[in-house]
């Protein structure tokens, strides 16, 4: 059976530390982090491995993961998971 399902957002900001003002008004369950450039780095795959995969484990495969399309936001390592 097909259907629609969405996970909580995982937002990566560019910066050295996460400012509390950046997290105001977000959806319940939204996860936030920062990287020096705002790009998904290997060590920040946490959001994918620890949030997305477990929250979709009950859904039959294949799945479609939509990202904003910038090539720096996805890594080859992520495509193998």
N, C-alpha and C. Protein backbone atom coordinates (compact mmCIF):
# COMPACT_ATOMS: atom_id res chain seq x y z
N UNK A 1 0.84 -1.18 0.00
CA UNK A 1 0.00 0.00 0.00
C UNK A 1 0.88 1.24 0.00
N UNK A 2 0.62 2.15 -0.88
CA UNK A 2 1.41 3.37 -0.92
C UNK A 2 0.70 4.45 -0.12
N UNK A 3 1.46 5.44 0.27
CA UNK A 3 0.90 6.55 1.04
C UNK A 3 1.95 7.61 1.24
N UNK A 4 1.57 8.61 1.96
CA UNK A 4 2.49 9.71 2.23
C UNK A 4 2.91 9.69 3.68
N UNK A 5 4.15 10.01 3.92
CA UNK A 5 4.70 10.07 5.26
C UNK A 5 5.80 11.11 5.24
N UNK A 6 5.90 11.87 6.27
CA UNK A 6 7.01 12.83 6.36
C UNK A 6 7.68 12.70 7.71
N UNK A 7 8.97 12.95 7.74
CA UNK A 7 9.72 12.94 8.99
C UNK A 7 9.89 14.37 9.48
N UNK A 8 10.37 14.49 10.68
CA UNK A 8 10.68 15.82 11.21
C UNK A 8 11.84 16.41 10.42
N UNK A 9 11.84 17.72 10.21
CA UNK A 9 12.94 18.35 9.48
C UNK A 9 14.27 18.21 10.22
N UNK A 10 15.35 18.14 9.46
CA UNK A 10 16.71 18.15 9.99
C UNK A 10 17.41 19.30 9.30
N UNK A 11 17.66 20.37 10.03
CA UNK A 11 18.15 21.61 9.44
C UNK A 11 19.61 21.83 9.82
N UNK A 12 20.45 22.08 8.81
CA UNK A 12 21.87 22.32 9.00
C UNK A 12 22.16 23.77 8.65
N UNK A 13 22.63 24.53 9.64
CA UNK A 13 23.01 25.92 9.42
C UNK A 13 24.52 26.03 9.29
N UNK A 14 24.97 27.07 8.60
CA UNK A 14 26.40 27.39 8.55
C UNK A 14 26.73 28.22 9.78
N UNK A 15 27.73 27.79 10.53
CA UNK A 15 28.14 28.54 11.71
C UNK A 15 29.02 27.72 12.62
N UNK A 16 29.53 28.39 13.67
CA UNK A 16 30.37 27.71 14.66
C UNK A 16 29.54 27.16 15.81
N UNK A 17 28.43 27.82 16.11
CA UNK A 17 27.55 27.34 17.17
C UNK A 17 26.11 27.65 16.79
N UNK A 18 25.22 26.86 17.32
CA UNK A 18 23.80 26.99 17.00
C UNK A 18 23.19 28.09 17.86
N UNK A 19 22.62 29.08 17.21
CA UNK A 19 21.98 30.18 17.91
C UNK A 19 20.53 29.79 18.23
N UNK A 20 20.10 30.07 19.44
CA UNK A 20 18.74 29.69 19.84
C UNK A 20 17.69 30.38 18.98
N UNK A 21 18.00 31.56 18.48
CA UNK A 21 17.03 32.29 17.65
C UNK A 21 16.76 31.56 16.33
N UNK A 22 17.71 30.75 15.87
CA UNK A 22 17.53 30.01 14.63
C UNK A 22 16.51 28.88 14.78
N UNK A 23 16.26 28.49 16.02
CA UNK A 23 15.38 27.34 16.29
C UNK A 23 13.96 27.76 16.67
N UNK A 24 13.71 29.03 16.75
CA UNK A 24 12.38 29.50 17.14
C UNK A 24 11.38 29.33 16.00
N UNK A 25 10.19 28.89 16.36
CA UNK A 25 9.11 28.79 15.38
C UNK A 25 9.17 27.57 14.49
N UNK A 26 10.10 26.67 14.75
CA UNK A 26 10.19 25.47 13.93
C UNK A 26 9.11 24.47 14.29
N UNK A 27 8.90 23.53 13.44
CA UNK A 27 7.92 22.46 13.67
C UNK A 27 8.34 21.62 14.87
N UNK A 28 7.37 21.05 15.56
CA UNK A 28 7.68 20.13 16.65
C UNK A 28 8.53 18.99 16.11
N UNK A 29 9.55 18.63 16.87
CA UNK A 29 10.42 17.53 16.48
C UNK A 29 11.53 17.89 15.52
N UNK A 30 11.64 19.16 15.12
CA UNK A 30 12.70 19.57 14.20
C UNK A 30 14.05 19.41 14.88
N UNK A 31 15.02 18.90 14.14
CA UNK A 31 16.39 18.73 14.63
C UNK A 31 17.26 19.78 13.96
N UNK A 32 18.17 20.38 14.72
CA UNK A 32 19.03 21.44 14.21
C UNK A 32 20.49 21.09 14.51
N UNK A 33 21.37 21.50 13.61
CA UNK A 33 22.80 21.39 13.85
C UNK A 33 23.51 22.46 13.03
N UNK A 34 24.81 22.61 13.24
CA UNK A 34 25.62 23.56 12.47
C UNK A 34 26.85 22.85 11.93
N UNK A 35 27.33 23.33 10.80
CA UNK A 35 28.62 22.94 10.26
C UNK A 35 29.32 24.22 9.83
N UNK A 36 30.62 24.14 9.65
CA UNK A 36 31.37 25.35 9.32
C UNK A 36 30.87 26.01 8.04
N UNK A 37 30.36 25.22 7.10
CA UNK A 37 29.88 25.78 5.83
C UNK A 37 28.40 25.55 5.58
N UNK A 38 27.74 24.82 6.47
CA UNK A 38 26.34 24.50 6.25
C UNK A 38 26.15 23.33 5.31
N UNK A 39 27.21 22.58 5.07
CA UNK A 39 27.14 21.43 4.19
C UNK A 39 27.06 20.16 5.02
N UNK A 40 26.53 19.11 4.45
CA UNK A 40 26.49 17.83 5.14
C UNK A 40 27.88 17.20 5.06
N UNK A 41 28.51 17.08 6.19
CA UNK A 41 29.81 16.44 6.27
C UNK A 41 29.61 15.03 6.82
N UNK A 42 30.60 14.19 6.62
CA UNK A 42 30.49 12.80 7.06
C UNK A 42 30.09 12.71 8.53
N UNK A 43 30.69 13.52 9.38
CA UNK A 43 30.38 13.42 10.80
C UNK A 43 28.98 13.96 11.13
N UNK A 44 28.33 14.63 10.19
CA UNK A 44 26.98 15.13 10.42
C UNK A 44 25.91 14.28 9.75
N UNK A 45 26.29 13.09 9.36
CA UNK A 45 25.31 12.16 8.81
C UNK A 45 24.40 11.62 9.91
N UNK A 46 24.66 12.06 11.14
CA UNK A 46 23.84 11.64 12.28
C UNK A 46 22.36 11.80 11.97
N UNK A 47 21.99 12.92 11.42
CA UNK A 47 20.58 13.18 11.13
C UNK A 47 19.97 12.14 10.23
N UNK A 48 20.75 11.68 9.29
CA UNK A 48 20.25 10.67 8.37
C UNK A 48 20.24 9.30 9.02
N UNK A 49 21.36 8.93 9.62
CA UNK A 49 21.49 7.59 10.18
C UNK A 49 20.70 7.38 11.46
N UNK A 50 20.60 8.41 12.29
CA UNK A 50 19.97 8.26 13.59
C UNK A 50 18.54 8.80 13.65
N UNK A 51 18.13 9.57 12.68
CA UNK A 51 16.78 10.13 12.70
C UNK A 51 15.95 9.61 11.52
N UNK A 52 16.42 9.82 10.30
CA UNK A 52 15.64 9.43 9.12
C UNK A 52 15.43 7.92 9.02
N UNK A 53 16.49 7.16 9.09
CA UNK A 53 16.37 5.71 8.91
C UNK A 53 15.46 5.09 9.97
N UNK A 54 15.68 5.36 11.27
CA UNK A 54 14.76 4.77 12.26
C UNK A 54 13.31 5.23 12.11
N UNK A 55 13.11 6.48 11.74
CA UNK A 55 11.73 6.97 11.65
C UNK A 55 10.99 6.45 10.42
N UNK A 56 11.72 5.82 9.51
CA UNK A 56 11.08 5.25 8.32
C UNK A 56 11.20 3.73 8.25
N UNK A 57 11.66 3.11 9.33
CA UNK A 57 11.90 1.66 9.30
C UNK A 57 10.63 0.85 9.08
N UNK A 58 9.48 1.41 9.40
CA UNK A 58 8.22 0.69 9.24
C UNK A 58 7.63 0.80 7.83
N UNK A 59 8.29 1.54 6.97
CA UNK A 59 7.80 1.77 5.61
C UNK A 59 8.54 0.85 4.64
N UNK A 60 7.80 0.21 3.75
CA UNK A 60 8.45 -0.67 2.78
C UNK A 60 9.33 0.14 1.84
N UNK A 61 10.37 -0.49 1.36
CA UNK A 61 11.32 0.14 0.47
C UNK A 61 10.91 -0.08 -0.98
N UNK A 62 11.32 0.72 -1.92
CA UNK A 62 12.22 1.87 -1.80
C UNK A 62 11.52 3.11 -1.25
N UNK A 63 12.34 4.04 -0.75
CA UNK A 63 11.86 5.32 -0.24
C UNK A 63 12.40 6.45 -1.09
N UNK A 64 11.72 7.56 -1.05
CA UNK A 64 12.18 8.76 -1.73
C UNK A 64 12.53 9.79 -0.66
N UNK A 65 13.77 10.25 -0.66
CA UNK A 65 14.21 11.30 0.24
C UNK A 65 14.43 12.56 -0.58
N UNK A 66 13.70 13.61 -0.25
CA UNK A 66 13.84 14.87 -0.99
C UNK A 66 14.72 15.82 -0.19
N UNK A 67 15.71 16.35 -0.87
CA UNK A 67 16.57 17.38 -0.29
C UNK A 67 16.51 18.59 -1.20
N UNK A 68 17.14 19.67 -0.80
CA UNK A 68 17.00 20.90 -1.58
C UNK A 68 17.75 20.88 -2.90
N UNK A 69 18.48 19.82 -3.18
CA UNK A 69 19.07 19.67 -4.49
C UNK A 69 20.51 20.14 -4.64
N UNK A 70 21.04 20.83 -3.65
CA UNK A 70 22.42 21.29 -3.76
C UNK A 70 23.35 20.09 -3.62
N UNK A 71 24.29 19.93 -4.53
CA UNK A 71 25.14 18.74 -4.54
C UNK A 71 25.99 18.61 -3.29
N UNK A 72 26.26 19.70 -2.59
CA UNK A 72 27.07 19.60 -1.38
C UNK A 72 26.29 19.04 -0.20
N UNK A 73 25.00 18.86 -0.34
CA UNK A 73 24.18 18.41 0.78
C UNK A 73 23.96 16.91 0.81
N UNK A 74 24.55 16.21 -0.11
CA UNK A 74 24.44 14.75 -0.12
C UNK A 74 25.82 14.19 -0.46
N UNK A 75 26.16 13.08 0.15
CA UNK A 75 27.47 12.48 -0.10
C UNK A 75 27.29 11.10 -0.70
N UNK A 76 28.34 10.60 -1.32
CA UNK A 76 28.29 9.26 -1.87
C UNK A 76 28.06 8.23 -0.77
N UNK A 77 28.62 8.49 0.42
CA UNK A 77 28.42 7.58 1.54
C UNK A 77 26.93 7.46 1.88
N UNK A 78 26.20 8.56 1.81
CA UNK A 78 24.78 8.52 2.13
C UNK A 78 23.99 7.70 1.12
N UNK A 79 24.40 7.72 -0.13
CA UNK A 79 23.65 6.98 -1.14
C UNK A 79 23.80 5.47 -0.96
N UNK A 80 24.83 5.04 -0.23
CA UNK A 80 25.04 3.62 0.01
C UNK A 80 24.29 3.09 1.23
N UNK A 81 23.73 3.97 2.03
CA UNK A 81 23.06 3.54 3.27
C UNK A 81 21.70 2.98 2.95
